[in-house]
């Protein structure tokens, strides 16, 4: 049982948010534009699945056999471009 999930949850959100900014900058660069600022950020899902599974959380929410888990964090970012 992992007890520090709330602590790492914030770190995972920070990393996902930074990743969304980096992706927006790559998209902007590809069309000759620039990211000006964040319009909005919304947290999506925290998905915990068995390490080697391709199933979604709905299919594995009660799965307890695997100790190793894969965590997927989704952040939806909207940005202003120049």
N, C-alpha and C. Protein backbone atom coordinates (compact mmCIF):
# COMPACT_ATOMS: atom_id res chain seq x y z
N UNK A 1 0.85 -1.18 0.00
CA UNK A 1 0.00 0.00 0.00
C UNK A 1 0.89 1.24 0.00
N UNK A 2 0.67 2.13 -0.93
CA UNK A 2 1.47 3.34 -1.03
C UNK A 2 0.76 4.48 -0.30
N UNK A 3 1.46 5.10 0.66
CA UNK A 3 0.82 6.09 1.52
C UNK A 3 1.08 7.53 1.12
N UNK A 4 2.03 7.78 0.25
CA UNK A 4 2.41 9.15 -0.09
C UNK A 4 1.87 9.60 -1.45
N UNK A 5 0.76 9.05 -1.88
CA UNK A 5 0.23 9.37 -3.20
C UNK A 5 -0.10 10.85 -3.33
N UNK A 6 -0.67 11.45 -2.30
CA UNK A 6 -1.02 12.88 -2.38
C UNK A 6 0.22 13.74 -2.60
N UNK A 7 1.34 13.34 -2.02
CA UNK A 7 2.58 14.08 -2.18
C UNK A 7 3.07 14.03 -3.63
N UNK A 8 3.10 12.85 -4.20
CA UNK A 8 3.60 12.74 -5.58
C UNK A 8 2.57 13.19 -6.61
N UNK A 9 1.30 13.23 -6.22
CA UNK A 9 0.24 13.68 -7.13
C UNK A 9 0.53 15.10 -7.61
N UNK A 10 0.94 15.99 -6.70
CA UNK A 10 1.26 17.37 -7.06
C UNK A 10 2.45 17.40 -8.02
N UNK A 11 3.46 16.60 -7.75
CA UNK A 11 4.64 16.54 -8.63
C UNK A 11 4.26 16.04 -10.02
N UNK A 12 3.38 15.05 -10.08
CA UNK A 12 2.95 14.53 -11.38
C UNK A 12 2.14 15.56 -12.15
N UNK A 13 1.31 16.33 -11.46
CA UNK A 13 0.56 17.41 -12.13
C UNK A 13 1.49 18.49 -12.66
N UNK A 14 2.51 18.84 -11.89
CA UNK A 14 3.49 19.83 -12.35
C UNK A 14 4.19 19.34 -13.61
N UNK A 15 4.59 18.08 -13.61
CA UNK A 15 5.28 17.52 -14.77
C UNK A 15 4.37 17.47 -16.00
N UNK A 16 3.12 17.09 -15.81
CA UNK A 16 2.17 17.03 -16.92
C UNK A 16 1.87 18.42 -17.46
N UNK A 17 1.80 19.42 -16.57
CA UNK A 17 1.55 20.80 -16.99
C UNK A 17 2.72 21.33 -17.80
N UNK A 18 3.94 21.08 -17.34
CA UNK A 18 5.12 21.49 -18.09
C UNK A 18 5.16 20.81 -19.46
N UNK A 19 4.81 19.54 -19.50
CA UNK A 19 4.77 18.80 -20.76
C UNK A 19 3.77 19.41 -21.73
N UNK A 20 2.62 19.85 -21.23
CA UNK A 20 1.63 20.47 -22.12
C UNK A 20 2.16 21.77 -22.70
N UNK A 21 2.90 22.53 -21.93
CA UNK A 21 3.51 23.78 -22.41
C UNK A 21 4.56 23.49 -23.49
N UNK A 22 5.39 22.50 -23.26
CA UNK A 22 6.42 22.12 -24.23
C UNK A 22 5.78 21.68 -25.55
N UNK A 23 4.73 20.91 -25.46
CA UNK A 23 4.03 20.47 -26.68
C UNK A 23 3.41 21.64 -27.42
N UNK A 24 2.82 22.58 -26.67
CA UNK A 24 2.24 23.77 -27.30
C UNK A 24 3.32 24.59 -28.00
N UNK A 25 4.51 24.69 -27.39
CA UNK A 25 5.61 25.43 -28.02
C UNK A 25 6.08 24.76 -29.30
N UNK A 26 6.13 23.43 -29.32
CA UNK A 26 6.51 22.71 -30.53
C UNK A 26 5.49 22.93 -31.65
N UNK A 27 4.22 22.90 -31.29
CA UNK A 27 3.16 23.13 -32.29
C UNK A 27 3.27 24.55 -32.82
N UNK A 28 3.42 25.52 -31.92
CA UNK A 28 3.53 26.92 -32.34
C UNK A 28 4.73 27.13 -33.26
N UNK A 29 5.85 26.55 -32.90
CA UNK A 29 7.07 26.69 -33.71
C UNK A 29 6.87 26.11 -35.11
N UNK A 30 6.14 25.01 -35.20
CA UNK A 30 5.95 24.35 -36.50
C UNK A 30 5.13 25.20 -37.47
N UNK A 31 4.36 26.17 -36.95
CA UNK A 31 3.56 27.03 -37.82
C UNK A 31 4.03 28.49 -37.76
N UNK A 32 5.24 28.70 -37.25
CA UNK A 32 5.82 30.03 -37.21
C UNK A 32 5.17 30.97 -36.20
N UNK A 33 4.72 30.42 -35.10
CA UNK A 33 4.06 31.21 -34.07
C UNK A 33 4.79 31.05 -32.74
N UNK A 34 4.27 31.71 -31.70
CA UNK A 34 4.84 31.61 -30.36
C UNK A 34 3.73 31.46 -29.34
N UNK A 35 4.03 30.76 -28.25
CA UNK A 35 3.09 30.69 -27.13
C UNK A 35 3.26 31.95 -26.31
N UNK A 36 2.16 32.67 -26.09
CA UNK A 36 2.20 33.89 -25.28
C UNK A 36 1.96 33.59 -23.80
N UNK A 37 0.86 32.91 -23.51
CA UNK A 37 0.51 32.63 -22.12
C UNK A 37 -0.50 31.49 -22.06
N UNK A 38 -0.76 31.06 -20.84
CA UNK A 38 -1.74 30.00 -20.61
C UNK A 38 -3.14 30.62 -20.61
N UNK A 39 -4.03 30.01 -21.33
CA UNK A 39 -5.44 30.41 -21.30
C UNK A 39 -6.15 29.66 -20.18
N UNK A 40 -5.98 28.34 -20.14
CA UNK A 40 -6.58 27.54 -19.08
C UNK A 40 -5.86 26.20 -18.98
N UNK A 41 -5.91 25.62 -17.79
CA UNK A 41 -5.40 24.28 -17.53
C UNK A 41 -6.44 23.52 -16.74
N UNK A 42 -6.72 22.31 -17.16
CA UNK A 42 -7.68 21.48 -16.45
C UNK A 42 -7.08 20.10 -16.23
N UNK A 43 -7.29 19.59 -15.03
CA UNK A 43 -6.81 18.25 -14.71
C UNK A 43 -7.76 17.24 -15.29
N UNK A 44 -7.20 16.28 -15.99
CA UNK A 44 -7.99 15.17 -16.50
C UNK A 44 -7.99 14.04 -15.48
N UNK A 45 -7.71 12.85 -15.92
CA UNK A 45 -7.78 11.68 -15.06
C UNK A 45 -6.42 11.30 -14.50
N UNK A 46 -6.44 10.64 -13.36
CA UNK A 46 -5.30 9.90 -12.84
C UNK A 46 -5.67 8.44 -13.05
N UNK A 47 -4.94 7.78 -13.89
CA UNK A 47 -5.29 6.41 -14.25
C UNK A 47 -4.22 5.47 -13.73
N UNK A 48 -4.59 4.54 -12.87
CA UNK A 48 -3.68 3.53 -12.34
C UNK A 48 -4.05 2.19 -12.94
N UNK A 49 -3.11 1.58 -13.61
CA UNK A 49 -3.34 0.28 -14.23
C UNK A 49 -2.15 -0.63 -13.92
N UNK A 50 -2.33 -1.93 -14.05
CA UNK A 50 -1.20 -2.83 -13.90
C UNK A 50 -0.11 -2.44 -14.90
N UNK A 51 1.14 -2.63 -14.52
CA UNK A 51 2.27 -2.16 -15.31
C UNK A 51 2.23 -2.56 -16.78
N UNK A 52 1.90 -3.78 -17.09
CA UNK A 52 1.93 -4.26 -18.47
C UNK A 52 0.55 -4.33 -19.11
N UNK A 53 -0.40 -3.60 -18.58
CA UNK A 53 -1.77 -3.66 -19.07
C UNK A 53 -2.07 -2.55 -20.06
N UNK A 54 -2.95 -2.82 -20.98
CA UNK A 54 -3.46 -1.78 -21.88
C UNK A 54 -4.91 -1.46 -21.54
N UNK A 55 -5.41 -2.04 -20.45
CA UNK A 55 -6.78 -1.81 -20.03
C UNK A 55 -6.93 -0.42 -19.43
N UNK A 56 -8.17 0.06 -19.41
CA UNK A 56 -8.46 1.35 -18.79
C UNK A 56 -8.79 1.15 -17.32
N UNK A 57 -8.83 2.25 -16.57
CA UNK A 57 -9.12 2.18 -15.15
C UNK A 57 -10.47 1.51 -14.89
N UNK A 58 -11.47 1.80 -15.72
CA UNK A 58 -12.79 1.19 -15.52
C UNK A 58 -12.74 -0.33 -15.56
N UNK A 59 -11.81 -0.87 -16.34
CA UNK A 59 -11.70 -2.32 -16.45
C UNK A 59 -10.86 -2.91 -15.33
N UNK A 60 -10.04 -2.11 -14.65
CA UNK A 60 -9.11 -2.65 -13.67
C UNK A 60 -9.23 -2.00 -12.30
N UNK A 61 -10.31 -1.28 -12.03
CA UNK A 61 -10.40 -0.53 -10.78
C UNK A 61 -10.29 -1.43 -9.56
N UNK A 62 -10.64 -2.67 -9.67
CA UNK A 62 -10.59 -3.58 -8.53
C UNK A 62 -9.43 -4.57 -8.65
N UNK A 63 -8.51 -4.35 -9.54
CA UNK A 63 -7.39 -5.25 -9.77
C UNK A 63 -6.39 -5.10 -8.63
N UNK A 64 -6.12 -6.18 -7.93
CA UNK A 64 -5.23 -6.13 -6.77
C UNK A 64 -4.09 -7.12 -6.84
N UNK A 65 -3.97 -7.85 -7.91
CA UNK A 65 -2.94 -8.87 -8.00
C UNK A 65 -1.57 -8.31 -8.31
N UNK A 66 -1.51 -7.24 -9.06
CA UNK A 66 -0.23 -6.67 -9.47
C UNK A 66 0.19 -5.57 -8.50
N UNK A 67 1.41 -5.67 -7.99
CA UNK A 67 1.95 -4.63 -7.11
C UNK A 67 2.50 -3.47 -7.90
N UNK A 68 2.99 -3.72 -9.08
CA UNK A 68 3.58 -2.68 -9.91
C UNK A 68 2.48 -2.04 -10.76
N UNK A 69 2.41 -0.73 -10.69
CA UNK A 69 1.36 0.00 -11.40
C UNK A 69 1.95 1.03 -12.34
N UNK A 70 1.19 1.36 -13.36
CA UNK A 70 1.50 2.44 -14.28
C UNK A 70 0.51 3.56 -13.97
N UNK A 71 1.01 4.79 -13.81
CA UNK A 71 0.14 5.92 -13.51
C UNK A 71 0.16 6.87 -14.70
N UNK A 72 -1.00 7.21 -15.18
CA UNK A 72 -1.14 8.15 -16.30
C UNK A 72 -1.86 9.38 -15.78
N UNK A 73 -1.26 10.54 -16.02
CA UNK A 73 -1.83 11.81 -15.58
C UNK A 73 -2.15 12.64 -16.82
N UNK A 74 -3.34 13.20 -16.89
CA UNK A 74 -3.75 13.98 -18.04
C UNK A 74 -4.04 15.42 -17.60
N UNK A 75 -3.43 16.37 -18.31
CA UNK A 75 -3.70 17.79 -18.11
C UNK A 75 -4.08 18.36 -19.47
N UNK A 76 -5.21 19.03 -19.54
CA UNK A 76 -5.66 19.69 -20.76
C UNK A 76 -5.25 21.16 -20.68
N UNK A 77 -4.41 21.59 -21.61
CA UNK A 77 -3.94 22.96 -21.60
C UNK A 77 -4.40 23.72 -22.84
N UNK A 78 -4.82 24.95 -22.63
CA UNK A 78 -5.15 25.85 -23.74
C UNK A 78 -4.26 27.07 -23.60
N UNK A 79 -3.70 27.51 -24.72
CA UNK A 79 -2.70 28.59 -24.69
C UNK A 79 -3.07 29.68 -25.68
N UNK A 80 -2.60 30.90 -25.39
CA UNK A 80 -2.70 32.00 -26.34
C UNK A 80 -1.45 32.00 -27.20
N UNK A 81 -1.63 32.18 -28.51
CA UNK A 81 -0.52 32.17 -29.45
C UNK A 81 -0.38 33.53 -30.12
N UNK A 82 0.82 33.81 -30.57
CA UNK A 82 1.12 35.06 -31.31
C UNK A 82 1.40 34.71 -32.75
